[in-house]
Amino acid sequence: MAVAPQVQPERLPSTMEPSPWVARFAPLVPEGGSVLDVACGDGRHGRMFRDRGHPVVVLDRDVIGVSDMASDIGVEIVARDLESGRPWPLVDRTFAGVVVVNYLHRPLFNALVAAVAPGGVLIYETFAVGNERFGKPSNPDFLLHREELLIAVRPELRVIAFEDVEEQVPRRAMKQRVVAVRPA
């Protein structure tokens, strides 16, 4: 009986690696300030900020991917479906850093901007119009329009960096990114 050769899967970048955009601008978050990781998934950005000594709040509708962080006193896990129509769960709370990656629910823009504390930073990156050429997401409800992140953060926050680019790695995609700070 012949044994079929094992096929090695294509090596993909780890999903636990932080976004290069987030890692690049992470030093702008005031030292020791709390960080909110919105739609955190497995918590790759919350983990990165926790490793840097920040207390973190990880927020997602499914928090199984961050359940191992529950015993860390510097981590708060909030389970909430942000698209349920229920109010923003962190009203009146502000953070030194607010991070959103690969998530878009436009009704949250005001709450996300309001969650940035004086001297704090918003680091946001997600898919943009044109991404439908490369695969998912392709639904226009989940794709940013031209300069939409700029419009969403102004005039309350001061934009430090903005990109609207076609990237090749880890896969072809149209992305829009912004880093903006609230004056102290």
C-alpha atoms as a PDB file:
ATOM      1  CA  MET A   1       0.000   0.000   0.000  1.00  0.00           C
ATOM      2  CA  ALA A   2       1.450   3.329  -1.076  1.00  0.00           C
ATOM      3  CA  VAL A   3       1.420   6.222   1.332  1.00  0.00           C
ATOM      4  CA  ALA A   4       0.418   9.573  -0.106  1.00  0.00           C
ATOM      5  CA  PRO A   5       3.030  12.255   0.364  1.00  0.00           C
ATOM      6  CA  GLN A   6       2.157  14.903   2.905  1.00  0.00           C
ATOM      7  CA  VAL A   7       1.387  18.258   1.394  1.00  0.00           C
ATOM      8  CA  GLN A   8       2.769  21.152   3.356  1.00  0.00           C
ATOM      9  CA  PRO A   9       0.291  24.016   3.664  1.00  0.00           C
ATOM     10  CA  GLU A  10       1.328  27.361   2.253  1.00  0.00           C
ATOM     11  CA  ARG A  11       3.041  29.304   5.020  1.00  0.00           C
ATOM     12  CA  LEU A  12       1.013  32.343   5.966  1.00  0.00           C
ATOM     13  CA  PRO A  13       1.929  35.132   8.340  1.00  0.00           C
ATOM     14  CA  SER A  14       0.799  34.485  11.898  1.00  0.00           C
ATOM     15  CA  THR A  15      -2.582  35.957  12.700  1.00  0.00           C
ATOM     16  CA  MET A  16      -1.147  36.809  16.087  1.00  0.00           C
ATOM     17  CA  GLU A  17       1.427  39.191  14.636  1.00  0.00           C
ATOM     18  CA  PRO A  18       0.384  42.801  15.229  1.00  0.00           C
ATOM     19  CA  SER A  19      -0.419  44.931  12.238  1.00  0.00           C
ATOM     20  CA  PRO A  20       2.729  46.766  11.120  1.00  0.00           C
ATOM     21  CA  TRP A  21       0.663  49.993  11.138  1.00  0.00           C
ATOM     22  CA  VAL A  22      -0.310  49.475  14.786  1.00  0.00           C
ATOM     23  CA  ALA A  23       3.198  48.443  15.803  1.00  0.00           C
ATOM     24  CA  ARG A  24       4.685  51.491  14.046  1.00  0.00           C
ATOM     25  CA  PHE A  25       2.487  53.961  15.912  1.00  0.00           C
ATOM     26  CA  ALA A  26       2.148  52.126  19.241  1.00  0.00           C
ATOM     27  CA  PRO A  27       4.871  54.312  20.834  1.00  0.00           C
ATOM     28  CA  LEU A  28       2.503  57.314  20.499  1.00  0.00           C
ATOM     29  CA  VAL A  29       0.242  55.820  23.181  1.00  0.00           C
ATOM     30  CA  PRO A  30       1.173  57.532  26.457  1.00  0.00           C
ATOM     31  CA  GLU A  31       3.257  55.267  28.680  1.00  0.00           C
ATOM     32  CA  GLY A  32       1.138  53.210  31.071  1.00  0.00           C
ATOM     33  CA  GLY A  33      -2.125  54.500  29.604  1.00  0.00           C
ATOM     34  CA  SER A  34      -5.003  52.112  29.052  1.00  0.00           C
ATOM     35  CA  VAL A  35      -5.631  50.775  25.554  1.00  0.00           C
ATOM     36  CA  LEU A  36      -8.929  49.673  24.027  1.00  0.00           C
ATOM     37  CA  ASP A  37      -8.694  46.923  21.376  1.00  0.00           C
ATOM     38  CA  VAL A  38     -12.028  47.024  19.474  1.00  0.00           C
ATOM     39  CA  ALA A  39     -13.225  43.879  17.672  1.00  0.00           C
ATOM     40  CA  CYS A  40     -10.149  42.256  19.169  1.00  0.00           C
ATOM     41  CA  GLY A  41     -10.513  38.728  17.795  1.00  0.00           C
ATOM     42  CA  ASP A  42      -7.654  36.746  19.327  1.00  0.00           C
ATOM     43  CA  GLY A  43      -6.308  39.919  20.948  1.00  0.00           C
ATOM     44  CA  ARG A  44      -3.112  40.344  18.955  1.00  0.00           C
ATOM     45  CA  HIS A  45      -3.040  44.107  19.549  1.00  0.00           C
ATOM     46  CA  GLY A  46      -4.250  43.939  23.131  1.00  0.00           C
ATOM     47  CA  ARG A  47      -1.510  41.403  23.814  1.00  0.00           C
ATOM     48  CA  MET A  48       1.111  43.618  22.197  1.00  0.00           C
ATOM     49  CA  PHE A  49       0.092  46.611  24.329  1.00  0.00           C
ATOM     50  CA  ARG A  50      -0.127  44.456  27.457  1.00  0.00           C
ATOM     51  CA  ASP A  51       3.429  43.246  26.779  1.00  0.00           C
ATOM     52  CA  ARG A  52       4.419  46.930  26.639  1.00  0.00           C
ATOM     53  CA  GLY A  53       2.987  47.474  30.134  1.00  0.00           C
ATOM     54  CA  HIS A  54      -0.372  49.013  29.239  1.00  0.00           C
ATOM     55  CA  PRO A  55      -3.592  47.962  30.923  1.00  0.00           C
ATOM     56  CA  VAL A  56      -5.938  46.829  28.142  1.00  0.00           C
ATOM     57  CA  VAL A  57      -9.623  46.436  27.477  1.00  0.00           C
ATOM     58  CA  VAL A  58     -10.365  43.854  24.796  1.00  0.00           C
ATOM     59  CA  LEU A  59     -13.808  44.123  23.242  1.00  0.00           C
ATOM     60  CA  ASP A  60     -15.556  41.701  20.882  1.00  0.00           C
ATOM     61  CA  ARG A  61     -18.814  39.805  20.529  1.00  0.00           C
ATOM     62  CA  ASP A  62     -16.916  36.509  20.877  1.00  0.00           C
ATOM     63  CA  VAL A  63     -14.188  36.642  23.504  1.00  0.00           C
ATOM     64  CA  ILE A  64     -13.103  32.994  23.345  1.00  0.00           C
ATOM     65  CA  GLY A  65      -9.869  34.058  21.612  1.00  0.00           C
ATOM     66  CA  VAL A  66      -8.857  36.206  24.603  1.00  0.00           C
ATOM     67  CA  SER A  67     -10.192  34.012  27.408  1.00  0.00           C
ATOM     68  CA  ASP A  68      -6.629  33.037  28.351  1.00  0.00           C
ATOM     69  CA  MET A  69      -6.058  36.694  29.316  1.00  0.00           C
ATOM     70  CA  ALA A  70      -8.830  36.668  31.955  1.00  0.00           C
ATOM     71  CA  SER A  71      -6.473  35.971  34.864  1.00  0.00           C
ATOM     72  CA  ASP A  72      -4.322  39.023  34.082  1.00  0.00           C
ATOM     73  CA  ILE A  73      -5.391  41.873  36.379  1.00  0.00           C
ATOM     74  CA  GLY A  74      -4.274  44.338  33.699  1.00  0.00           C
ATOM     75  CA  VAL A  75      -6.820  43.001  31.218  1.00  0.00           C
ATOM     76  CA  GLU A  76     -10.554  43.695  31.107  1.00  0.00           C
ATOM     77  CA  ILE A  77     -12.575  41.535  28.727  1.00  0.00           C
ATOM     78  CA  VAL A  78     -15.843  42.975  27.425  1.00  0.00           C
ATOM     79  CA  ALA A  79     -18.159  40.694  25.450  1.00  0.00           C
ATOM     80  CA  ARG A  80     -20.559  42.756  23.356  1.00  0.00           C
ATOM     81  CA  ASP A  81     -22.018  42.569  19.881  1.00  0.00           C
ATOM     82  CA  LEU A  82     -21.280  46.093  18.686  1.00  0.00           C
ATOM     83  CA  GLU A  83     -23.793  45.777  15.861  1.00  0.00           C
ATOM     84  CA  SER A  84     -26.744  44.707  18.021  1.00  0.00           C
ATOM     85  CA  GLY A  85     -28.204  48.197  18.316  1.00  0.00           C
ATOM     86  CA  ARG A  86     -27.429  48.275  22.049  1.00  0.00           C
ATOM     87  CA  PRO A  87     -25.626  51.384  23.329  1.00  0.00           C
ATOM     88  CA  TRP A  88     -21.837  51.648  23.222  1.00  0.00           C
ATOM     89  CA  PRO A  89     -20.713  49.618  26.260  1.00  0.00           C
ATOM     90  CA  LEU A  90     -17.951  51.992  27.393  1.00  0.00           C
ATOM     91  CA  VAL A  91     -19.834  55.278  27.659  1.00  0.00           C
ATOM     92  CA  ASP A  92     -17.928  57.947  29.588  1.00  0.00           C
ATOM     93  CA  ARG A  93     -14.679  55.947  29.481  1.00  0.00           C
ATOM     94  CA  THR A  94     -11.624  57.219  27.653  1.00  0.00           C
ATOM     95  CA  PHE A  95      -8.383  55.520  26.698  1.00  0.00           C
ATOM     96  CA  ALA A  96      -4.807  56.527  25.965  1.00  0.00           C
ATOM     97  CA  GLY A  97      -5.043  54.321  22.895  1.00  0.00           C
ATOM     98  CA  VAL A  98      -7.953  53.066  20.814  1.00  0.00           C
ATOM     99  CA  VAL A  99      -7.077  50.405  18.231  1.00  0.00           C
ATOM    100  CA  VAL A 100      -9.370  49.119  15.480  1.00  0.00           C
ATOM    101  CA  VAL A 101      -8.115  46.760  12.769  1.00  0.00           C
ATOM    102  CA  ASN A 102     -10.089  45.047  10.007  1.00  0.00           C
ATOM    103  CA  TYR A 103     -13.448  46.100  11.413  1.00  0.00           C
ATOM    104  CA  LEU A 104     -15.963  48.660  10.197  1.00  0.00           C
ATOM    105  CA  HIS A 105     -19.310  49.584  11.698  1.00  0.00           C
ATOM    106  CA  ARG A 106     -19.891  53.225  10.813  1.00  0.00           C
ATOM    107  CA  PRO A 107     -22.365  53.950  13.633  1.00  0.00           C
ATOM    108  CA  LEU A 108     -19.424  53.530  16.058  1.00  0.00           C
ATOM    109  CA  PHE A 109     -17.260  56.288  14.590  1.00  0.00           C
ATOM    110  CA  ASN A 110     -18.458  58.945  17.071  1.00  0.00           C
ATOM    111  CA  ALA A 111     -18.072  56.619  20.063  1.00  0.00           C
ATOM    112  CA  LEU A 112     -14.569  55.595  18.992  1.00  0.00           C
ATOM    113  CA  VAL A 113     -13.432  59.192  18.574  1.00  0.00           C
ATOM    114  CA  ALA A 114     -15.022  60.136  21.921  1.00  0.00           C
ATOM    115  CA  ALA A 115     -13.162  57.241  23.598  1.00  0.00           C
ATOM    116  CA  VAL A 116      -9.770  58.832  22.873  1.00  0.00           C
ATOM    117  CA  ALA A 117      -8.539  60.587  26.013  1.00  0.00           C
ATOM    118  CA  PRO A 118      -6.762  63.961  25.922  1.00  0.00           C
ATOM    119  CA  GLY A 119      -3.240  63.207  24.703  1.00  0.00           C
ATOM    120  CA  GLY A 120      -4.425  59.792  23.488  1.00  0.00           C
ATOM    121  CA  VAL A 121      -4.268  58.238  20.042  1.00  0.00           C
ATOM    122  CA  LEU A 122      -6.630  56.431  17.690  1.00  0.00           C
ATOM    123  CA  ILE A 123      -4.977  53.831  15.442  1.00  0.00           C
ATOM    124  CA  TYR A 124      -7.439  52.562  12.845  1.00  0.00           C
ATOM    125  CA  GLU A 125      -6.921  50.319   9.812  1.00  0.00           C
ATOM    126  CA  THR A 126      -9.474  48.512   7.671  1.00  0.00           C
ATOM    127  CA  PHE A 127     -10.535  47.682   4.135  1.00  0.00           C
ATOM    128  CA  ALA A 128     -11.428  50.296   1.528  1.00  0.00           C
ATOM    129  CA  VAL A 129     -13.391  50.528  -1.695  1.00  0.00           C
ATOM    130  CA  GLY A 130     -11.558  48.611  -4.396  1.00  0.00           C
ATOM    131  CA  ASN A 131     -10.985  45.602  -2.147  1.00  0.00           C
ATOM    132  CA  GLU A 132     -13.860  43.825  -3.898  1.00  0.00           C
ATOM    133  CA  ARG A 133     -11.401  43.138  -6.754  1.00  0.00           C
ATOM    134  CA  PHE A 134      -9.317  40.969  -4.441  1.00  0.00           C
ATOM    135  CA  GLY A 135     -11.943  39.070  -2.448  1.00  0.00           C
ATOM    136  CA  LYS A 136     -13.614  39.634   0.886  1.00  0.00           C
ATOM    137  CA  PRO A 137     -14.744  41.881   2.244  1.00  0.00           C
ATOM    138  CA  SER A 138     -16.508  42.942  -0.920  1.00  0.00           C
ATOM    139  CA  ASN A 139     -19.773  44.252   0.533  1.00  0.00           C
ATOM    140  CA  PRO A 140     -19.744  48.089   0.254  1.00  0.00           C
ATOM    141  CA  ASP A 141     -21.075  48.288   3.830  1.00  0.00           C
ATOM    142  CA  PHE A 142     -17.683  47.004   4.989  1.00  0.00           C
ATOM    143  CA  LEU A 143     -15.460  49.104   2.736  1.00  0.00           C
ATOM    144  CA  LEU A 144     -14.362  52.640   3.518  1.00  0.00           C
ATOM    145  CA  HIS A 145     -14.989  55.370   0.979  1.00  0.00           C
ATOM    146  CA  ARG A 146     -12.240  57.726  -0.173  1.00  0.00           C
ATOM    147  CA  GLU A 147     -10.853  59.615   2.858  1.00  0.00           C
ATOM    148  CA  GLU A 148     -13.683  58.345   5.061  1.00  0.00           C
ATOM    149  CA  LEU A 149     -11.438  57.824   8.082  1.00  0.00           C
ATOM    150  CA  LEU A 150     -10.095  61.362   7.745  1.00  0.00           C
ATOM    151  CA  ILE A 151     -13.626  62.735   7.755  1.00  0.00           C
ATOM    152  CA  ALA A 152     -14.611  60.536  10.717  1.00  0.00           C
ATOM    153  CA  VAL A 153     -11.841  61.771  13.020  1.00  0.00           C
ATOM    154  CA  ARG A 154     -11.822  65.463  12.116  1.00  0.00           C
ATOM    155  CA  PRO A 155     -12.075  68.024  13.594  1.00  0.00           C
ATOM    156  CA  GLU A 156     -11.918  66.443  17.063  1.00  0.00           C
ATOM    157  CA  LEU A 157      -8.626  64.643  16.508  1.00  0.00           C
ATOM    158  CA  ARG A 158      -5.432  65.815  14.832  1.00  0.00           C
ATOM    159  CA  VAL A 159      -4.294  63.481  12.066  1.00  0.00           C
ATOM    160  CA  ILE A 160      -0.689  62.305  12.369  1.00  0.00           C
ATOM    161  CA  ALA A 161      -0.686  59.816   9.483  1.00  0.00           C
ATOM    162  CA  PHE A 162      -3.076  58.612   6.793  1.00  0.00           C
ATOM    163  CA  GLU A 163      -2.834  56.024   4.027  1.00  0.00           C
ATOM    164  CA  ASP A 164      -5.237  54.840   1.357  1.00  0.00           C
ATOM    165  CA  VAL A 165      -3.247  52.101  -0.356  1.00  0.00           C
ATOM    166  CA  GLU A 166      -3.229  48.860  -2.256  1.00  0.00           C
ATOM    167  CA  GLU A 167      -1.081  46.444  -0.309  1.00  0.00           C
ATOM    168  CA  GLN A 168       0.426  43.171  -1.478  1.00  0.00           C
ATOM    169  CA  VAL A 169       1.304  41.489   1.832  1.00  0.00           C
ATOM    170  CA  PRO A 170      -0.042  39.477   3.578  1.00  0.00           C
ATOM    171  CA  ARG A 171      -2.471  39.425   0.630  1.00  0.00           C
ATOM    172  CA  ARG A 172      -3.607  41.916  -2.000  1.00  0.00           C
ATOM    173  CA  ALA A 173      -6.070  44.314  -0.436  1.00  0.00           C
ATOM    174  CA  MET A 174      -7.175  47.926  -0.459  1.00  0.00           C
ATOM    175  CA  LYS A 175      -6.637  49.440   2.979  1.00  0.00           C
ATOM    176  CA  GLN A 176      -7.233  52.773   4.601  1.00  0.00           C
ATOM    177  CA  ARG A 177      -5.379  53.725   7.777  1.00  0.00           C
ATOM    178  CA  VAL A 178      -5.331  56.675  10.102  1.00  0.00           C
ATOM    179  CA  VAL A 179      -3.481  57.674  13.243  1.00  0.00           C
ATOM    180  CA  ALA A 180      -4.946  60.648  15.046  1.00  0.00           C
ATOM    181  CA  VAL A 181      -4.416  62.226  18.460  1.00  0.00           C
ATOM    182  CA  ARG A 182      -6.608  64.244  20.765  1.00  0.00           C
ATOM    183  CA  PRO A 183      -4.821  67.400  21.908  1.00  0.00           C
ATOM    184  CA  ALA A 184      -3.869  67.242  25.591  1.00  0.00           C
END
